[in-house]
């Protein structure tokens, strides 16, 4: 199929609500959004505690979290594979080659991003509002909820960065999910597979949807931030 025909066919697949395309998109969103939710529940408080806490090994943890932001996806996938394989310590869970394993792998990739960006945001806010918060009797740790709320729009950007990292990932989910049709096939793994098979229409359709989802989320975050700035002004 030549490229112009592939593009027009891809648009038809999207507009007509092709079941195969829809199933892949829904699974991708389920896996990625679940990973973002888990990473945010762990990473936001952990990043804030790392920003305001004073304890031995803090500097080492900051260096490690920053370094893991560039963790190669295939390495994360390999670690999860070894942990969830039958001979691994978590093999009894039976998660390998399931959406659950892909969620675990993507969470590992997102978590360092959320922790590092949250730490930087909270540190900057504490430097700005420390005097005011102390005058109100708030300690460093008690100030965490206030600072997280005050920096919520910056933190949304951190979560979007995590979403982008996970949604564009191929290696880790391919290793731990197996790219099983109708069960663990995501948009990125399907794009890679269909391109290699020469089915450019489905690959293009999934690519268009992936870009549209990313643009929609970023536009929503941008608009929300602008509205908040106007309300504060």
C-alpha atoms as a PDB file:
ATOM      1  CA  UNK A   1       0.000   0.000   0.000  1.00  0.00           C
ATOM      2  CA  UNK A   2       1.438   3.380  -0.994  1.00  0.00           C
ATOM      3  CA  UNK A   3       1.637   6.190   1.539  1.00  0.00           C
ATOM      4  CA  UNK A   4      -1.268   8.403   0.298  1.00  0.00           C
ATOM      5  CA  UNK A   5      -3.637   5.437   0.250  1.00  0.00           C
ATOM      6  CA  UNK A   6      -2.362   4.300   3.652  1.00  0.00           C
ATOM      7  CA  UNK A   7      -3.067   7.716   5.149  1.00  0.00           C
ATOM      8  CA  UNK A   8      -6.605   7.905   3.769  1.00  0.00           C
ATOM      9  CA  UNK A   9      -7.292   4.354   4.953  1.00  0.00           C
ATOM     10  CA  UNK A  10      -5.924   5.262   8.408  1.00  0.00           C
ATOM     11  CA  UNK A  11      -8.379   8.166   8.641  1.00  0.00           C
ATOM     12  CA  UNK A  12     -11.214   5.827   7.635  1.00  0.00           C
ATOM     13  CA  UNK A  13     -10.210   3.377  10.370  1.00  0.00           C
ATOM     14  CA  UNK A  14     -10.355   6.147  12.971  1.00  0.00           C
ATOM     15  CA  UNK A  15     -13.605   7.723  11.764  1.00  0.00           C
ATOM     16  CA  UNK A  16     -15.387   4.394  11.394  1.00  0.00           C
ATOM     17  CA  UNK A  17     -14.348   3.267  14.872  1.00  0.00           C
ATOM     18  CA  UNK A  18     -12.463   0.171  13.738  1.00  0.00           C
ATOM     19  CA  UNK A  19     -12.810  -2.429  16.548  1.00  0.00           C
ATOM     20  CA  UNK A  20      -9.185  -3.635  16.351  1.00  0.00           C
ATOM     21  CA  UNK A  21      -7.844  -0.093  16.501  1.00  0.00           C
ATOM     22  CA  UNK A  22     -10.233   0.830  19.307  1.00  0.00           C
ATOM     23  CA  UNK A  23      -9.261  -2.192  21.418  1.00  0.00           C
ATOM     24  CA  UNK A  24      -5.556  -1.371  21.103  1.00  0.00           C
ATOM     25  CA  UNK A  25      -6.128   2.272  22.030  1.00  0.00           C
ATOM     26  CA  UNK A  26      -8.265   1.406  25.065  1.00  0.00           C
ATOM     27  CA  UNK A  27      -5.726  -1.098  26.377  1.00  0.00           C
ATOM     28  CA  UNK A  28      -2.900   1.415  25.905  1.00  0.00           C
ATOM     29  CA  UNK A  29      -4.789   4.089  27.827  1.00  0.00           C
ATOM     30  CA  UNK A  30      -5.721   1.638  30.582  1.00  0.00           C
ATOM     31  CA  UNK A  31      -2.109   0.556  31.072  1.00  0.00           C
ATOM     32  CA  UNK A  32      -0.532   4.005  30.816  1.00  0.00           C
ATOM     33  CA  UNK A  33      -3.074   5.861  32.963  1.00  0.00           C
ATOM     34  CA  UNK A  34      -2.867   3.139  35.619  1.00  0.00           C
ATOM     35  CA  UNK A  35       0.910   3.489  35.674  1.00  0.00           C
ATOM     36  CA  UNK A  36       0.665   7.285  35.920  1.00  0.00           C
ATOM     37  CA  UNK A  37      -1.826   7.008  38.797  1.00  0.00           C
ATOM     38  CA  UNK A  38       0.358   4.576  40.752  1.00  0.00           C
ATOM     39  CA  UNK A  39       3.492   6.639  40.092  1.00  0.00           C
ATOM     40  CA  UNK A  40       1.732   9.826  41.240  1.00  0.00           C
ATOM     41  CA  UNK A  41       0.457   8.207  44.452  1.00  0.00           C
ATOM     42  CA  UNK A  42       4.008   7.132  45.285  1.00  0.00           C
ATOM     43  CA  UNK A  43       6.089   9.815  43.597  1.00  0.00           C
ATOM     44  CA  UNK A  44       4.356  13.019  44.707  1.00  0.00           C
ATOM     45  CA  UNK A  45       4.704  12.460  48.468  1.00  0.00           C
ATOM     46  CA  UNK A  46       8.118  10.806  48.025  1.00  0.00           C
ATOM     47  CA  UNK A  47       9.423  13.729  45.961  1.00  0.00           C
ATOM     48  CA  UNK A  48       8.064  16.253  48.464  1.00  0.00           C
ATOM     49  CA  UNK A  49       9.607  14.356  51.388  1.00  0.00           C
ATOM     50  CA  UNK A  50      12.916  14.241  49.524  1.00  0.00           C
ATOM     51  CA  UNK A  51      12.719  18.002  48.961  1.00  0.00           C
ATOM     52  CA  UNK A  52      11.994  18.966  52.572  1.00  0.00           C
ATOM     53  CA  UNK A  53      13.393  16.084  54.602  1.00  0.00           C
ATOM     54  CA  UNK A  54      16.856  16.196  56.137  1.00  0.00           C
ATOM     55  CA  UNK A  55      18.306  12.723  56.626  1.00  0.00           C
ATOM     56  CA  UNK A  56      21.434  10.704  55.911  1.00  0.00           C
ATOM     57  CA  UNK A  57      21.623   9.511  52.322  1.00  0.00           C
ATOM     58  CA  UNK A  58      19.329  12.231  50.969  1.00  0.00           C
ATOM     59  CA  UNK A  59      21.898  13.481  48.442  1.00  0.00           C
ATOM     60  CA  UNK A  60      22.485   9.946  47.196  1.00  0.00           C
ATOM     61  CA  UNK A  61      18.739   9.418  46.723  1.00  0.00           C
ATOM     62  CA  UNK A  62      18.490  12.665  44.753  1.00  0.00           C
ATOM     63  CA  UNK A  63      21.347  11.606  42.472  1.00  0.00           C
ATOM     64  CA  UNK A  64      19.799   8.154  41.974  1.00  0.00           C
ATOM     65  CA  UNK A  65      16.312   9.514  41.192  1.00  0.00           C
ATOM     66  CA  UNK A  66      17.764  11.992  38.701  1.00  0.00           C
ATOM     67  CA  UNK A  67      19.875   9.272  37.065  1.00  0.00           C
ATOM     68  CA  UNK A  68      16.914   6.895  36.782  1.00  0.00           C
ATOM     69  CA  UNK A  69      14.998   9.479  34.748  1.00  0.00           C
ATOM     70  CA  UNK A  70      17.084   8.223  31.836  1.00  0.00           C
ATOM     71  CA  UNK A  71      16.636   4.539  32.649  1.00  0.00           C
ATOM     72  CA  UNK A  72      16.648   2.563  29.357  1.00  0.00           C
ATOM     73  CA  UNK A  73      13.191   0.998  28.899  1.00  0.00           C
ATOM     74  CA  UNK A  74      14.620  -2.371  27.883  1.00  0.00           C
ATOM     75  CA  UNK A  75      16.543  -2.523  31.167  1.00  0.00           C
ATOM     76  CA  UNK A  76      13.357  -1.799  33.127  1.00  0.00           C
ATOM     77  CA  UNK A  77      11.578  -4.459  31.094  1.00  0.00           C
ATOM     78  CA  UNK A  78      14.336  -6.984  31.744  1.00  0.00           C
ATOM     79  CA  UNK A  79      14.264  -6.337  35.505  1.00  0.00           C
ATOM     80  CA  UNK A  80      10.478  -6.764  35.626  1.00  0.00           C
ATOM     81  CA  UNK A  81      10.699  -9.879  33.440  1.00  0.00           C
ATOM     82  CA  UNK A  82      13.241 -11.489  35.764  1.00  0.00           C
ATOM     83  CA  UNK A  83      11.183 -10.584  38.834  1.00  0.00           C
ATOM     84  CA  UNK A  84       7.905 -11.907  37.398  1.00  0.00           C
ATOM     85  CA  UNK A  85       9.219 -15.004  35.600  1.00  0.00           C
ATOM     86  CA  UNK A  86       8.422 -18.404  37.082  1.00  0.00           C
ATOM     87  CA  UNK A  87      11.845 -18.636  38.700  1.00  0.00           C
ATOM     88  CA  UNK A  88      11.749 -15.010  39.887  1.00  0.00           C
ATOM     89  CA  UNK A  89      10.813 -13.786  43.370  1.00  0.00           C
ATOM     90  CA  UNK A  90       7.381 -12.585  42.208  1.00  0.00           C
ATOM     91  CA  UNK A  91       6.653 -15.414  39.795  1.00  0.00           C
ATOM     92  CA  UNK A  92       3.872 -16.721  42.027  1.00  0.00           C
ATOM     93  CA  UNK A  93       1.777 -13.667  41.079  1.00  0.00           C
ATOM     94  CA  UNK A  94       1.407 -14.935  37.497  1.00  0.00           C
ATOM     95  CA  UNK A  95       1.645 -11.421  36.038  1.00  0.00           C
ATOM     96  CA  UNK A  96       4.137 -12.022  33.245  1.00  0.00           C
ATOM     97  CA  UNK A  97       2.686 -11.423  29.762  1.00  0.00           C
ATOM     98  CA  UNK A  98      -0.365  -9.644  31.213  1.00  0.00           C
ATOM     99  CA  UNK A  99      -1.424  -5.980  31.278  1.00  0.00           C
ATOM    100  CA  UNK A 100      -0.451  -5.978  34.970  1.00  0.00           C
ATOM    101  CA  UNK A 101       3.187  -6.621  34.102  1.00  0.00           C
ATOM    102  CA  UNK A 102       3.125  -3.744  31.603  1.00  0.00           C
ATOM    103  CA  UNK A 103       1.705  -1.433  34.278  1.00  0.00           C
ATOM    104  CA  UNK A 104       4.546  -2.412  36.623  1.00  0.00           C
ATOM    105  CA  UNK A 105       7.178  -1.752  33.923  1.00  0.00           C
ATOM    106  CA  UNK A 106       5.712   1.618  32.984  1.00  0.00           C
ATOM    107  CA  UNK A 107       5.389   2.639  36.639  1.00  0.00           C
ATOM    108  CA  UNK A 108       9.108   1.958  37.115  1.00  0.00           C
ATOM    109  CA  UNK A 109       9.865   4.202  34.135  1.00  0.00           C
ATOM    110  CA  UNK A 110       7.565   7.026  35.270  1.00  0.00           C
ATOM    111  CA  UNK A 111       8.333   7.040  39.004  1.00  0.00           C
ATOM    112  CA  UNK A 112      11.818   8.645  38.856  1.00  0.00           C
ATOM    113  CA  UNK A 113      10.446  11.440  36.640  1.00  0.00           C
ATOM    114  CA  UNK A 114       7.614  12.221  39.057  1.00  0.00           C
ATOM    115  CA  UNK A 115       9.897  12.076  42.110  1.00  0.00           C
ATOM    116  CA  UNK A 116      12.612  14.290  40.609  1.00  0.00           C
ATOM    117  CA  UNK A 117      10.299  16.953  39.176  1.00  0.00           C
ATOM    118  CA  UNK A 118       8.192  17.004  42.343  1.00  0.00           C
ATOM    119  CA  UNK A 119      11.300  17.439  44.477  1.00  0.00           C
ATOM    120  CA  UNK A 120      12.463  20.401  42.402  1.00  0.00           C
ATOM    121  CA  UNK A 121       9.027  22.037  42.423  1.00  0.00           C
ATOM    122  CA  UNK A 122       8.556  21.651  46.182  1.00  0.00           C
ATOM    123  CA  UNK A 123      12.087  22.866  46.917  1.00  0.00           C
ATOM    124  CA  UNK A 124      11.451  26.035  44.894  1.00  0.00           C
ATOM    125  CA  UNK A 125       8.122  26.652  46.631  1.00  0.00           C
ATOM    126  CA  UNK A 126       9.642  26.101  50.081  1.00  0.00           C
ATOM    127  CA  UNK A 127      12.400  28.603  49.296  1.00  0.00           C
ATOM    128  CA  UNK A 128       9.717  31.125  48.358  1.00  0.00           C
ATOM    129  CA  UNK A 129       7.199  30.534  51.162  1.00  0.00           C
ATOM    130  CA  UNK A 130       9.316  29.130  54.009  1.00  0.00           C
ATOM    131  CA  UNK A 131       9.163  32.292  56.134  1.00  0.00           C
ATOM    132  CA  UNK A 132       5.401  32.613  55.757  1.00  0.00           C
ATOM    133  CA  UNK A 133       4.754  28.951  56.520  1.00  0.00           C
ATOM    134  CA  UNK A 134       7.023  28.992  59.578  1.00  0.00           C
ATOM    135  CA  UNK A 135       5.240  32.079  60.892  1.00  0.00           C
ATOM    136  CA  UNK A 136       2.023  30.070  60.735  1.00  0.00           C
ATOM    137  CA  UNK A 137       3.612  27.310  62.787  1.00  0.00           C
ATOM    138  CA  UNK A 138       4.071  24.858  59.925  1.00  0.00           C
ATOM    139  CA  UNK A 139       7.082  22.533  59.951  1.00  0.00           C
ATOM    140  CA  UNK A 140       8.766  21.227  56.819  1.00  0.00           C
ATOM    141  CA  UNK A 141       6.839  17.956  56.744  1.00  0.00           C
ATOM    142  CA  UNK A 142       3.523  19.541  57.716  1.00  0.00           C
ATOM    143  CA  UNK A 143       3.960  21.987  54.824  1.00  0.00           C
ATOM    144  CA  UNK A 144       4.028  19.176  52.239  1.00  0.00           C
ATOM    145  CA  UNK A 145       0.254  19.099  51.487  1.00  0.00           C
ATOM    146  CA  UNK A 146       0.156  22.888  51.192  1.00  0.00           C
ATOM    147  CA  UNK A 147       3.130  23.021  48.846  1.00  0.00           C
ATOM    148  CA  UNK A 148       1.826  20.153  46.712  1.00  0.00           C
ATOM    149  CA  UNK A 149      -1.487  21.951  46.304  1.00  0.00           C
ATOM    150  CA  UNK A 150       0.180  25.276  45.551  1.00  0.00           C
ATOM    151  CA  UNK A 151       2.389  23.654  42.913  1.00  0.00           C
ATOM    152  CA  UNK A 152      -0.372  21.502  41.431  1.00  0.00           C
ATOM    153  CA  UNK A 153      -0.140  22.955  37.926  1.00  0.00           C
ATOM    154  CA  UNK A 154       3.619  22.461  37.776  1.00  0.00           C
ATOM    155  CA  UNK A 155       3.106  18.938  39.073  1.00  0.00           C
ATOM    156  CA  UNK A 156       0.549  18.249  36.338  1.00  0.00           C
ATOM    157  CA  UNK A 157       3.369  18.969  33.898  1.00  0.00           C
ATOM    158  CA  UNK A 158       5.470  16.356  35.690  1.00  0.00           C
ATOM    159  CA  UNK A 159       2.674  13.805  35.353  1.00  0.00           C
ATOM    160  CA  UNK A 160       2.285  14.664  31.679  1.00  0.00           C
ATOM    161  CA  UNK A 161       6.006  14.078  31.213  1.00  0.00           C
ATOM    162  CA  UNK A 162       5.513  10.678  32.806  1.00  0.00           C
ATOM    163  CA  UNK A 163       2.535   9.964  30.573  1.00  0.00           C
ATOM    164  CA  UNK A 164       4.566  10.881  27.507  1.00  0.00           C
ATOM    165  CA  UNK A 165       7.431   8.643  28.582  1.00  0.00           C
ATOM    166  CA  UNK A 166       5.113   5.677  29.153  1.00  0.00           C
ATOM    167  CA  UNK A 167       2.852   6.122  26.134  1.00  0.00           C
ATOM    168  CA  UNK A 168       5.815   6.304  23.719  1.00  0.00           C
ATOM    169  CA  UNK A 169       7.580   3.266  25.224  1.00  0.00           C
ATOM    170  CA  UNK A 170       8.048   0.048  23.251  1.00  0.00           C
ATOM    171  CA  UNK A 171      10.876  -2.053  24.674  1.00  0.00           C
ATOM    172  CA  UNK A 172       9.711  -2.673  28.236  1.00  0.00           C
ATOM    173  CA  UNK A 173       6.084  -3.497  27.410  1.00  0.00           C
ATOM    174  CA  UNK A 174       7.199  -5.732  24.567  1.00  0.00           C
ATOM    175  CA  UNK A 175       9.442  -7.740  26.917  1.00  0.00           C
ATOM    176  CA  UNK A 176       6.971  -8.155  29.779  1.00  0.00           C
ATOM    177  CA  UNK A 177       3.725  -8.112  27.751  1.00  0.00           C
ATOM    178  CA  UNK A 178       4.676 -10.237  24.787  1.00  0.00           C
ATOM    179  CA  UNK A 179       2.631  -8.155  22.301  1.00  0.00           C
ATOM    180  CA  UNK A 180      -0.237 -10.677  22.370  1.00  0.00           C
ATOM    181  CA  UNK A 181      -3.047  -9.700  19.974  1.00  0.00           C
ATOM    182  CA  UNK A 182      -6.204  -8.668  21.796  1.00  0.00           C
ATOM    183  CA  UNK A 183      -4.561  -8.934  25.214  1.00  0.00           C
ATOM    184  CA  UNK A 184      -1.242  -7.087  25.610  1.00  0.00           C
ATOM    185  CA  UNK A 185      -0.846  -5.271  22.283  1.00  0.00           C
ATOM    186  CA  UNK A 186      -0.474  -1.522  22.848  1.00  0.00           C
ATOM    187  CA  UNK A 187      -0.342   1.337  20.358  1.00  0.00           C
ATOM    188  CA  UNK A 188       3.455   1.503  20.244  1.00  0.00           C
ATOM    189  CA  UNK A 189       4.033  -2.248  19.939  1.00  0.00           C
ATOM    190  CA  UNK A 190       1.267  -2.494  17.335  1.00  0.00           C
ATOM    191  CA  UNK A 191       2.784   0.355  15.322  1.00  0.00           C
ATOM    192  CA  UNK A 192       6.164  -1.389  15.311  1.00  0.00           C
ATOM    193  CA  UNK A 193       4.613  -4.730  14.337  1.00  0.00           C
ATOM    194  CA  UNK A 194       2.268  -3.431  11.648  1.00  0.00           C
ATOM    195  CA  UNK A 195       5.007  -1.316  10.078  1.00  0.00           C
ATOM    196  CA  UNK A 196       7.267  -4.360   9.838  1.00  0.00           C
ATOM    197  CA  UNK A 197       4.375  -6.285   8.236  1.00  0.00           C
ATOM    198  CA  UNK A 198       3.717  -3.485   5.762  1.00  0.00           C
ATOM    199  CA  UNK A 199       0.259  -2.633   7.142  1.00  0.00           C
ATOM    200  CA  UNK A 200       0.891   1.095   7.125  1.00  0.00           C
ATOM    201  CA  UNK A 201      -2.787   2.045   7.428  1.00  0.00           C
ATOM    202  CA  UNK A 202      -3.254   0.608  10.920  1.00  0.00           C
ATOM    203  CA  UNK A 203       0.177   1.836  12.001  1.00  0.00           C
ATOM    204  CA  UNK A 204      -0.616   5.358  10.787  1.00  0.00           C
ATOM    205  CA  UNK A 205      -4.064   5.278  12.393  1.00  0.00           C
ATOM    206  CA  UNK A 206      -2.598   4.343  15.776  1.00  0.00           C
ATOM    207  CA  UNK A 207       0.120   6.976  15.389  1.00  0.00           C
ATOM    208  CA  UNK A 208      -2.458   9.678  14.670  1.00  0.00           C
ATOM    209  CA  UNK A 209      -4.513   8.672  17.707  1.00  0.00           C
ATOM    210  CA  UNK A 210      -1.424   8.629  19.943  1.00  0.00           C
ATOM    211  CA  UNK A 211      -0.389  12.112  18.846  1.00  0.00           C
ATOM    212  CA  UNK A 212      -3.972  13.390  19.240  1.00  0.00           C
ATOM    213  CA  UNK A 213      -4.208  12.055  22.812  1.00  0.00           C
ATOM    214  CA  UNK A 214      -0.895  13.667  23.762  1.00  0.00           C
ATOM    215  CA  UNK A 215      -1.892  17.009  22.236  1.00  0.00           C
ATOM    216  CA  UNK A 216      -5.293  16.898  23.949  1.00  0.00           C
ATOM    217  CA  UNK A 217      -3.803  16.258  27.393  1.00  0.00           C
ATOM    218  CA  UNK A 218      -1.161  18.953  27.010  1.00  0.00           C
ATOM    219  CA  UNK A 219      -3.718  21.455  25.730  1.00  0.00           C
ATOM    220  CA  UNK A 220      -5.950  20.735  28.702  1.00  0.00           C
ATOM    221  CA  UNK A 221      -3.073  21.257  31.138  1.00  0.00           C
ATOM    222  CA  UNK A 222      -2.056  24.494  29.388  1.00  0.00           C
ATOM    223  CA  UNK A 223      -5.587  25.909  29.478  1.00  0.00           C
ATOM    224  CA  UNK A 224      -6.039  24.920  33.133  1.00  0.00           C
ATOM    225  CA  UNK A 225      -2.765  26.641  34.028  1.00  0.00           C
ATOM    226  CA  UNK A 226      -3.740  29.844  32.221  1.00  0.00           C
ATOM    227  CA  UNK A 227      -7.140  29.909  33.921  1.00  0.00           C
ATOM    228  CA  UNK A 228      -5.479  29.444  37.294  1.00  0.00           C
ATOM    229  CA  UNK A 229      -3.081  32.325  36.603  1.00  0.00           C
ATOM    230  CA  UNK A 230      -5.990  34.604  35.687  1.00  0.00           C
ATOM    231  CA  UNK A 231      -7.905  33.616  38.795  1.00  0.00           C
ATOM    232  CA  UNK A 232      -4.835  34.272  40.975  1.00  0.00           C
ATOM    233  CA  UNK A 233      -4.266  37.615  39.282  1.00  0.00           C
END
